[in-house]
């Protein structure tokens, strides 16, 4: 189903909600959207944290143990 169709269906459903319950529906939608915004921030932060680790603390060549010919052939 396309987003426009879903949006129209949601609008029709909301129109059927009694007026005294609209505040409760508003709260549900409002806090749902706040949760989505926080979730997006966490996803972006976790994706960037991998790269930030290596940008801020690059791997130095002296951290590696050089392999000799025997190490390579044993594997």
PDB file of N, CA and C in Angstrom:
ATOM      1  N   UNK A   1       0.846  -1.178   0.000  1.00  0.00           N
ATOM      2  CA  UNK A   1       0.000   0.000   0.000  1.00  0.00           C
ATOM      3  C   UNK A   1       0.893   1.243   0.000  1.00  0.00           C
ATOM      4  N   UNK A   2       0.513   2.215  -0.762  1.00  0.00           N
ATOM      5  CA  UNK A   2       1.325   3.426  -0.875  1.00  0.00           C
ATOM      6  C   UNK A   2       1.126   4.328   0.348  1.00  0.00           C
ATOM      7  N   UNK A   3       2.113   5.168   0.581  1.00  0.00           N
ATOM      8  CA  UNK A   3       2.096   6.057   1.738  1.00  0.00           C
ATOM      9  C   UNK A   3       0.889   6.996   1.710  1.00  0.00           C
ATOM     10  N   UNK A   4       0.531   7.503   0.541  1.00  0.00           N
ATOM     11  CA  UNK A   4      -0.612   8.431   0.430  1.00  0.00           C
ATOM     12  C   UNK A   4      -1.907   7.726   0.827  1.00  0.00           C
ATOM     13  N   UNK A   5      -2.052   6.484   0.382  1.00  0.00           N
ATOM     14  CA  UNK A   5      -3.250   5.719   0.728  1.00  0.00           C
ATOM     15  C   UNK A   5      -3.327   5.485   2.234  1.00  0.00           C
ATOM     16  N   UNK A   6      -2.200   5.122   2.828  1.00  0.00           N
ATOM     17  CA  UNK A   6      -2.171   4.915   4.278  1.00  0.00           C
ATOM     18  C   UNK A   6      -2.492   6.203   5.023  1.00  0.00           C
ATOM     19  N   UNK A   7      -1.935   7.294   4.551  1.00  0.00           N
ATOM     20  CA  UNK A   7      -2.187   8.583   5.185  1.00  0.00           C
ATOM     21  C   UNK A   7      -3.681   8.929   5.115  1.00  0.00           C
ATOM     22  N   UNK A   8      -4.291   8.695   3.981  1.00  0.00           N
ATOM     23  CA  UNK A   8      -5.727   8.958   3.837  1.00  0.00           C
ATOM     24  C   UNK A   8      -6.556   8.056   4.740  1.00  0.00           C
ATOM     25  N   UNK A   9      -6.144   6.799   4.862  1.00  0.00           N
ATOM     26  CA  UNK A   9      -6.856   5.891   5.751  1.00  0.00           C
ATOM     27  C   UNK A   9      -6.738   6.331   7.204  1.00  0.00           C
ATOM     28  N   UNK A  10      -5.543   6.760   7.582  1.00  0.00           N
ATOM     29  CA  UNK A  10      -5.353   7.258   8.949  1.00  0.00           C
ATOM     30  C   UNK A  10      -6.248   8.462   9.227  1.00  0.00           C
ATOM     31  N   UNK A  11      -6.314   9.371   8.277  1.00  0.00           N
ATOM     32  CA  UNK A  11      -7.155  10.562   8.435  1.00  0.00           C
ATOM     33  C   UNK A  11      -8.611  10.160   8.608  1.00  0.00           C
ATOM     34  N   UNK A  12      -9.073   9.202   7.815  1.00  0.00           N
ATOM     35  CA  UNK A  12     -10.462   8.741   7.919  1.00  0.00           C
ATOM     36  C   UNK A  12     -10.726   8.087   9.278  1.00  0.00           C
ATOM     37  N   UNK A  13      -9.777   7.311   9.745  1.00  0.00           N
ATOM     38  CA  UNK A  13      -9.932   6.680  11.064  1.00  0.00           C
ATOM     39  C   UNK A  13      -9.981   7.736  12.167  1.00  0.00           C
ATOM     40  N   UNK A  14      -9.105   8.732  12.076  1.00  0.00           N
ATOM     41  CA  UNK A  14      -9.065   9.795  13.092  1.00  0.00           C
ATOM     42  C   UNK A  14     -10.371  10.573  13.107  1.00  0.00           C
ATOM     43  N   UNK A  15     -10.972  10.779  11.956  1.00  0.00           N
ATOM     44  CA  UNK A  15     -12.252  11.495  11.888  1.00  0.00           C
ATOM     45  C   UNK A  15     -13.348  10.764  12.660  1.00  0.00           C
ATOM     46  N   UNK A  16     -13.225   9.453  12.827  1.00  0.00           N
ATOM     47  CA  UNK A  16     -14.240   8.663  13.517  1.00  0.00           C
ATOM     48  C   UNK A  16     -14.039   8.607  15.028  1.00  0.00           C
ATOM     49  N   UNK A  17     -12.934   9.135  15.509  1.00  0.00           N
ATOM     50  CA  UNK A  17     -12.646   9.107  16.948  1.00  0.00           C
ATOM     51  C   UNK A  17     -13.486  10.179  17.637  1.00  0.00           C
ATOM     52  N   UNK A  18     -14.116   9.825  18.751  1.00  0.00           N
ATOM     53  CA  UNK A  18     -14.910  10.818  19.488  1.00  0.00           C
ATOM     54  C   UNK A  18     -14.036  11.987  19.947  1.00  0.00           C
ATOM     55  N   UNK A  19     -14.605  13.178  19.967  1.00  0.00           N
ATOM     56  CA  UNK A  19     -13.861  14.405  20.292  1.00  0.00           C
ATOM     57  C   UNK A  19     -13.188  14.326  21.665  1.00  0.00           C
ATOM     58  N   UNK A  20     -13.847  13.676  22.622  1.00  0.00           N
ATOM     59  CA  UNK A  20     -13.267  13.621  23.969  1.00  0.00           C
ATOM     60  C   UNK A  20     -12.064  12.665  24.056  1.00  0.00           C
ATOM     61  N   UNK A  21     -11.777  11.909  23.004  1.00  0.00           N
ATOM     62  CA  UNK A  21     -10.630  10.989  22.980  1.00  0.00           C
ATOM     63  C   UNK A  21      -9.489  11.483  22.092  1.00  0.00           C
ATOM     64  N   UNK A  22      -9.688  12.596  21.419  1.00  0.00           N
ATOM     65  CA  UNK A  22      -8.666  13.099  20.493  1.00  0.00           C
ATOM     66  C   UNK A  22      -7.360  13.459  21.199  1.00  0.00           C
ATOM     67  N   UNK A  23      -7.444  13.981  22.412  1.00  0.00           N
ATOM     68  CA  UNK A  23      -6.228  14.342  23.145  1.00  0.00           C
ATOM     69  C   UNK A  23      -5.365  13.110  23.402  1.00  0.00           C
ATOM     70  N   UNK A  24      -5.994  11.987  23.691  1.00  0.00           N
ATOM     71  CA  UNK A  24      -5.248  10.753  23.933  1.00  0.00           C
ATOM     72  C   UNK A  24      -4.556  10.282  22.650  1.00  0.00           C
ATOM     73  N   UNK A  25      -5.260  10.378  21.538  1.00  0.00           N
ATOM     74  CA  UNK A  25      -4.672   9.983  20.248  1.00  0.00           C
ATOM     75  C   UNK A  25      -3.517  10.912  19.887  1.00  0.00           C
ATOM     76  N   UNK A  26      -3.705  12.192  20.154  1.00  0.00           N
ATOM     77  CA  UNK A  26      -2.635  13.150  19.886  1.00  0.00           C
ATOM     78  C   UNK A  26      -1.381  12.770  20.677  1.00  0.00           C
ATOM     79  N   UNK A  27      -1.562  12.438  21.959  1.00  0.00           N
ATOM     80  CA  UNK A  27      -0.417  12.056  22.788  1.00  0.00           C
ATOM     81  C   UNK A  27       0.297  10.836  22.230  1.00  0.00           C
ATOM     82  N   UNK A  28      -0.472   9.838  21.797  1.00  0.00           N
ATOM     83  CA  UNK A  28       0.131   8.626  21.232  1.00  0.00           C
ATOM     84  C   UNK A  28       0.976   8.978  20.007  1.00  0.00           C
ATOM     85  N   UNK A  29       0.413   9.756  19.105  1.00  0.00           N
ATOM     86  CA  UNK A  29       1.128  10.136  17.880  1.00  0.00           C
ATOM     87  C   UNK A  29       2.336  10.999  18.205  1.00  0.00           C
ATOM     88  N   UNK A  30       2.145  11.961  19.095  1.00  0.00           N
ATOM     89  CA  UNK A  30       3.230  12.877  19.463  1.00  0.00           C
ATOM     90  C   UNK A  30       4.425  12.112  20.046  1.00  0.00           C
ATOM     91  N   UNK A  31       4.156  11.235  21.016  1.00  0.00           N
ATOM     92  CA  UNK A  31       5.265  10.508  21.643  1.00  0.00           C
ATOM     93  C   UNK A  31       5.846   9.442  20.717  1.00  0.00           C
ATOM     94  N   UNK A  32       5.043   8.918  19.818  1.00  0.00           N
ATOM     95  CA  UNK A  32       5.556   8.004  18.801  1.00  0.00           C
ATOM     96  C   UNK A  32       6.576   8.725  17.924  1.00  0.00           C
ATOM     97  N   UNK A  33       6.249   9.940  17.504  1.00  0.00           N
ATOM     98  CA  UNK A  33       7.168  10.715  16.665  1.00  0.00           C
ATOM     99  C   UNK A  33       8.443  11.088  17.414  1.00  0.00           C
ATOM    100  N   UNK A  34       8.315  11.413  18.682  1.00  0.00           N
ATOM    101  CA  UNK A  34       9.515  11.711  19.481  1.00  0.00           C
ATOM    102  C   UNK A  34      10.416  10.478  19.521  1.00  0.00           C
ATOM    103  N   UNK A  35       9.813   9.304  19.713  1.00  0.00           N
ATOM    104  CA  UNK A  35      10.590   8.057  19.718  1.00  0.00           C
ATOM    105  C   UNK A  35      11.285   7.817  18.402  1.00  0.00           C
ATOM    106  N   UNK A  36      10.613   8.104  17.296  1.00  0.00           N
ATOM    107  CA  UNK A  36      11.236   7.933  15.978  1.00  0.00           C
ATOM    108  C   UNK A  36      12.442   8.845  15.808  1.00  0.00           C
ATOM    109  N   UNK A  37      12.306  10.083  16.272  1.00  0.00           N
ATOM    110  CA  UNK A  37      13.419  11.033  16.147  1.00  0.00           C
ATOM    111  C   UNK A  37      14.617  10.560  16.963  1.00  0.00           C
ATOM    112  N   UNK A  38      14.377  10.068  18.175  1.00  0.00           N
ATOM    113  CA  UNK A  38      15.479   9.593  19.016  1.00  0.00           C
ATOM    114  C   UNK A  38      16.115   8.344  18.412  1.00  0.00           C
ATOM    115  N   UNK A  39      15.283   7.451  17.850  1.00  0.00           N
ATOM    116  CA  UNK A  39      15.784   6.242  17.222  1.00  0.00           C
ATOM    117  C   UNK A  39      16.690   6.580  16.045  1.00  0.00           C
ATOM    118  N   UNK A  40      16.308   7.557  15.260  1.00  0.00           N
ATOM    119  CA  UNK A  40      17.108   7.983  14.113  1.00  0.00           C
ATOM    120  C   UNK A  40      18.441   8.545  14.581  1.00  0.00           C
ATOM    121  N   UNK A  41      18.424   9.340  15.654  1.00  0.00           N
ATOM    122  CA  UNK A  41      19.672   9.901  16.179  1.00  0.00           C
ATOM    123  C   UNK A  41      20.604   8.798  16.652  1.00  0.00           C
ATOM    124  N   UNK A  42      20.058   7.774  17.309  1.00  0.00           N
ATOM    125  CA  UNK A  42      20.881   6.669  17.798  1.00  0.00           C
ATOM    126  C   UNK A  42      21.483   5.905  16.628  1.00  0.00           C
ATOM    127  N   UNK A  43      20.692   5.645  15.579  1.00  0.00           N
ATOM    128  CA  UNK A  43      21.208   4.937  14.408  1.00  0.00           C
ATOM    129  C   UNK A  43      22.337   5.706  13.757  1.00  0.00           C
ATOM    130  N   UNK A  44      22.156   6.998  13.576  1.00  0.00           N
ATOM    131  CA  UNK A  44      23.186   7.824  12.939  1.00  0.00           C
ATOM    132  C   UNK A  44      24.433   7.845  13.805  1.00  0.00           C
ATOM    133  N   UNK A  45      24.255   7.979  15.117  1.00  0.00           N
ATOM    134  CA  UNK A  45      25.397   8.032  16.016  1.00  0.00           C
ATOM    135  C   UNK A  45      26.154   6.713  15.987  1.00  0.00           C
ATOM    136  N   UNK A  46      25.436   5.578  15.999  1.00  0.00           N
ATOM    137  CA  UNK A  46      26.125   4.291  15.997  1.00  0.00           C
ATOM    138  C   UNK A  46      26.851   4.051  14.677  1.00  0.00           C
ATOM    139  N   UNK A  47      26.289   4.505  13.566  1.00  0.00           N
ATOM    140  CA  UNK A  47      26.964   4.350  12.280  1.00  0.00           C
ATOM    141  C   UNK A  47      28.221   5.205  12.235  1.00  0.00           C
ATOM    142  N   UNK A  48      28.136   6.415  12.759  1.00  0.00           N
ATOM    143  CA  UNK A  48      29.279   7.316  12.723  1.00  0.00           C
ATOM    144  C   UNK A  48      30.340   6.941  13.742  1.00  0.00           C
ATOM    145  N   UNK A  49      29.955   6.287  14.842  1.00  0.00           N
ATOM    146  CA  UNK A  49      30.919   6.000  15.894  1.00  0.00           C
ATOM    147  C   UNK A  49      32.015   5.052  15.404  1.00  0.00           C
ATOM    148  N   UNK A  50      31.671   4.139  14.499  1.00  0.00           N
ATOM    149  CA  UNK A  50      32.687   3.238  13.949  1.00  0.00           C
ATOM    150  C   UNK A  50      33.770   4.036  13.243  1.00  0.00           C
ATOM    151  N   UNK A  51      33.347   4.948  12.394  1.00  0.00           N
ATOM    152  CA  UNK A  51      34.310   5.742  11.630  1.00  0.00           C
ATOM    153  C   UNK A  51      35.040   6.741  12.518  1.00  0.00           C
ATOM    154  N   UNK A  52      34.333   7.322  13.477  1.00  0.00           N
ATOM    155  CA  UNK A  52      34.967   8.295  14.366  1.00  0.00           C
ATOM    156  C   UNK A  52      36.081   7.651  15.171  1.00  0.00           C
ATOM    157  N   UNK A  53      35.904   6.400  15.557  1.00  0.00           N
ATOM    158  CA  UNK A  53      36.932   5.699  16.323  1.00  0.00           C
ATOM    159  C   UNK A  53      38.242   5.669  15.552  1.00  0.00           C
ATOM    160  N   UNK A  54      38.163   5.344  14.282  1.00  0.00           N
ATOM    161  CA  UNK A  54      39.385   5.223  13.493  1.00  0.00           C
ATOM    162  C   UNK A  54      39.884   6.550  12.945  1.00  0.00           C
ATOM    163  N   UNK A  55      39.014   7.513  12.827  1.00  0.00           N
ATOM    164  CA  UNK A  55      39.463   8.837  12.405  1.00  0.00           C
ATOM    165  C   UNK A  55      40.181   9.524  13.565  1.00  0.00           C
ATOM    166  N   UNK A  56      39.604   9.419  14.759  1.00  0.00           N
ATOM    167  CA  UNK A  56      40.193  10.066  15.930  1.00  0.00           C
ATOM    168  C   UNK A  56      41.391   9.292  16.485  1.00  0.00           C
ATOM    169  N   UNK A  57      41.423   7.995  16.291  1.00  0.00           N
ATOM    170  CA  UNK A  57      42.514   7.151  16.783  1.00  0.00           C
ATOM    171  C   UNK A  57      42.988   6.225  15.665  1.00  0.00           C
ATOM    172  N   UNK A  58      43.693   6.761  14.701  1.00  0.00           N
ATOM    173  CA  UNK A  58      44.098   5.920  13.573  1.00  0.00           C
ATOM    174  C   UNK A  58      45.026   4.794  14.027  1.00  0.00           C
ATOM    175  N   UNK A  59      44.969   3.685  13.313  1.00  0.00           N
ATOM    176  CA  UNK A  59      45.840   2.553  13.605  1.00  0.00           C
ATOM    177  C   UNK A  59      47.239   2.891  13.133  1.00  0.00           C
ATOM    178  N   UNK A  60      48.195   2.675  14.004  1.00  0.00           N
ATOM    179  CA  UNK A  60      49.584   2.953  13.660  1.00  0.00           C
ATOM    180  C   UNK A  60      50.242   1.657  13.199  1.00  0.00           C
ATOM    181  N   UNK A  61      51.121   1.768  12.253  1.00  0.00           N
ATOM    182  CA  UNK A  61      51.770   0.580  11.709  1.00  0.00           C
ATOM    183  C   UNK A  61      52.570  -0.170  12.756  1.00  0.00           C
ATOM    184  N   UNK A  62      53.091   0.506  13.759  1.00  0.00           N
ATOM    185  CA  UNK A  62      53.890  -0.185  14.771  1.00  0.00           C
ATOM    186  C   UNK A  62      53.023  -1.037  15.703  1.00  0.00           C
ATOM    187  N   UNK A  63      51.710  -0.957  15.576  1.00  0.00           N
ATOM    188  CA  UNK A  63      50.824  -1.791  16.386  1.00  0.00           C
ATOM    189  C   UNK A  63      50.716  -3.198  15.813  1.00  0.00           C
ATOM    190  N   UNK A  64      51.142  -3.395  14.596  1.00  0.00           N
ATOM    191  CA  UNK A  64      51.046  -4.700  13.958  1.00  0.00           C
ATOM    192  C   UNK A  64      52.338  -5.486  14.156  1.00  0.00           C
ATOM    193  N   UNK A  65      52.166  -6.774  14.339  1.00  0.00           N
ATOM    194  CA  UNK A  65      53.320  -7.658  14.418  1.00  0.00           C
ATOM    195  C   UNK A  65      53.606  -8.153  13.008  1.00  0.00           C
ATOM    196  N   UNK A  66      54.795  -7.937  12.536  1.00  0.00           N
ATOM    197  CA  UNK A  66      55.090  -8.383  11.175  1.00  0.00           C
ATOM    198  C   UNK A  66      55.079  -9.914  11.089  1.00  0.00           C
ATOM    199  N   UNK A  67      54.579 -10.420   9.996  1.00  0.00           N
ATOM    200  CA  UNK A  67      54.545 -11.860   9.772  1.00  0.00           C
ATOM    201  C   UNK A  67      55.802 -12.285   9.036  1.00  0.00           C
ATOM    202  N   UNK A  68      56.281 -13.444   9.406  1.00  0.00           N
ATOM    203  CA  UNK A  68      57.391 -13.971   8.618  1.00  0.00           C
ATOM    204  C   UNK A  68      56.857 -15.057   7.696  1.00  0.00           C
ATOM    205  N   UNK A  69      57.687 -15.591   6.869  1.00  0.00           N
ATOM    206  CA  UNK A  69      57.259 -16.558   5.847  1.00  0.00           C
ATOM    207  C   UNK A  69      56.629 -17.802   6.498  1.00  0.00           C
ATOM    208  N   UNK A  70      57.142 -18.244   7.618  1.00  0.00           N
ATOM    209  CA  UNK A  70      56.610 -19.444   8.297  1.00  0.00           C
ATOM    210  C   UNK A  70      55.189 -19.213   8.785  1.00  0.00           C
ATOM    211  N   UNK A  71      54.893 -18.009   9.287  1.00  0.00           N
ATOM    212  CA  UNK A  71      53.525 -17.700   9.738  1.00  0.00           C
ATOM    213  C   UNK A  71      52.549 -17.794   8.586  1.00  0.00           C
ATOM    214  N   UNK A  72      52.929 -17.347   7.441  1.00  0.00           N
ATOM    215  CA  UNK A  72      52.034 -17.345   6.295  1.00  0.00           C
ATOM    216  C   UNK A  72      51.751 -18.766   5.835  1.00  0.00           C
ATOM    217  N   UNK A  73      52.765 -19.605   5.777  1.00  0.00           N
ATOM    218  CA  UNK A  73      52.589 -20.961   5.251  1.00  0.00           C
ATOM    219  C   UNK A  73      51.910 -21.894   6.258  1.00  0.00           C
ATOM    220  N   UNK A  74      51.953 -21.568   7.536  1.00  0.00           N
ATOM    221  CA  UNK A  74      51.303 -22.412   8.526  1.00  0.00           C
ATOM    222  C   UNK A  74      49.784 -22.322   8.426  1.00  0.00           C
ATOM    223  N   UNK A  75      49.269 -21.232   7.936  1.00  0.00           N
ATOM    224  CA  UNK A  75      47.835 -21.051   7.853  1.00  0.00           C
ATOM    225  C   UNK A  75      47.375 -21.648   6.589  1.00  0.00           C
TER     226      UNK A  75
END
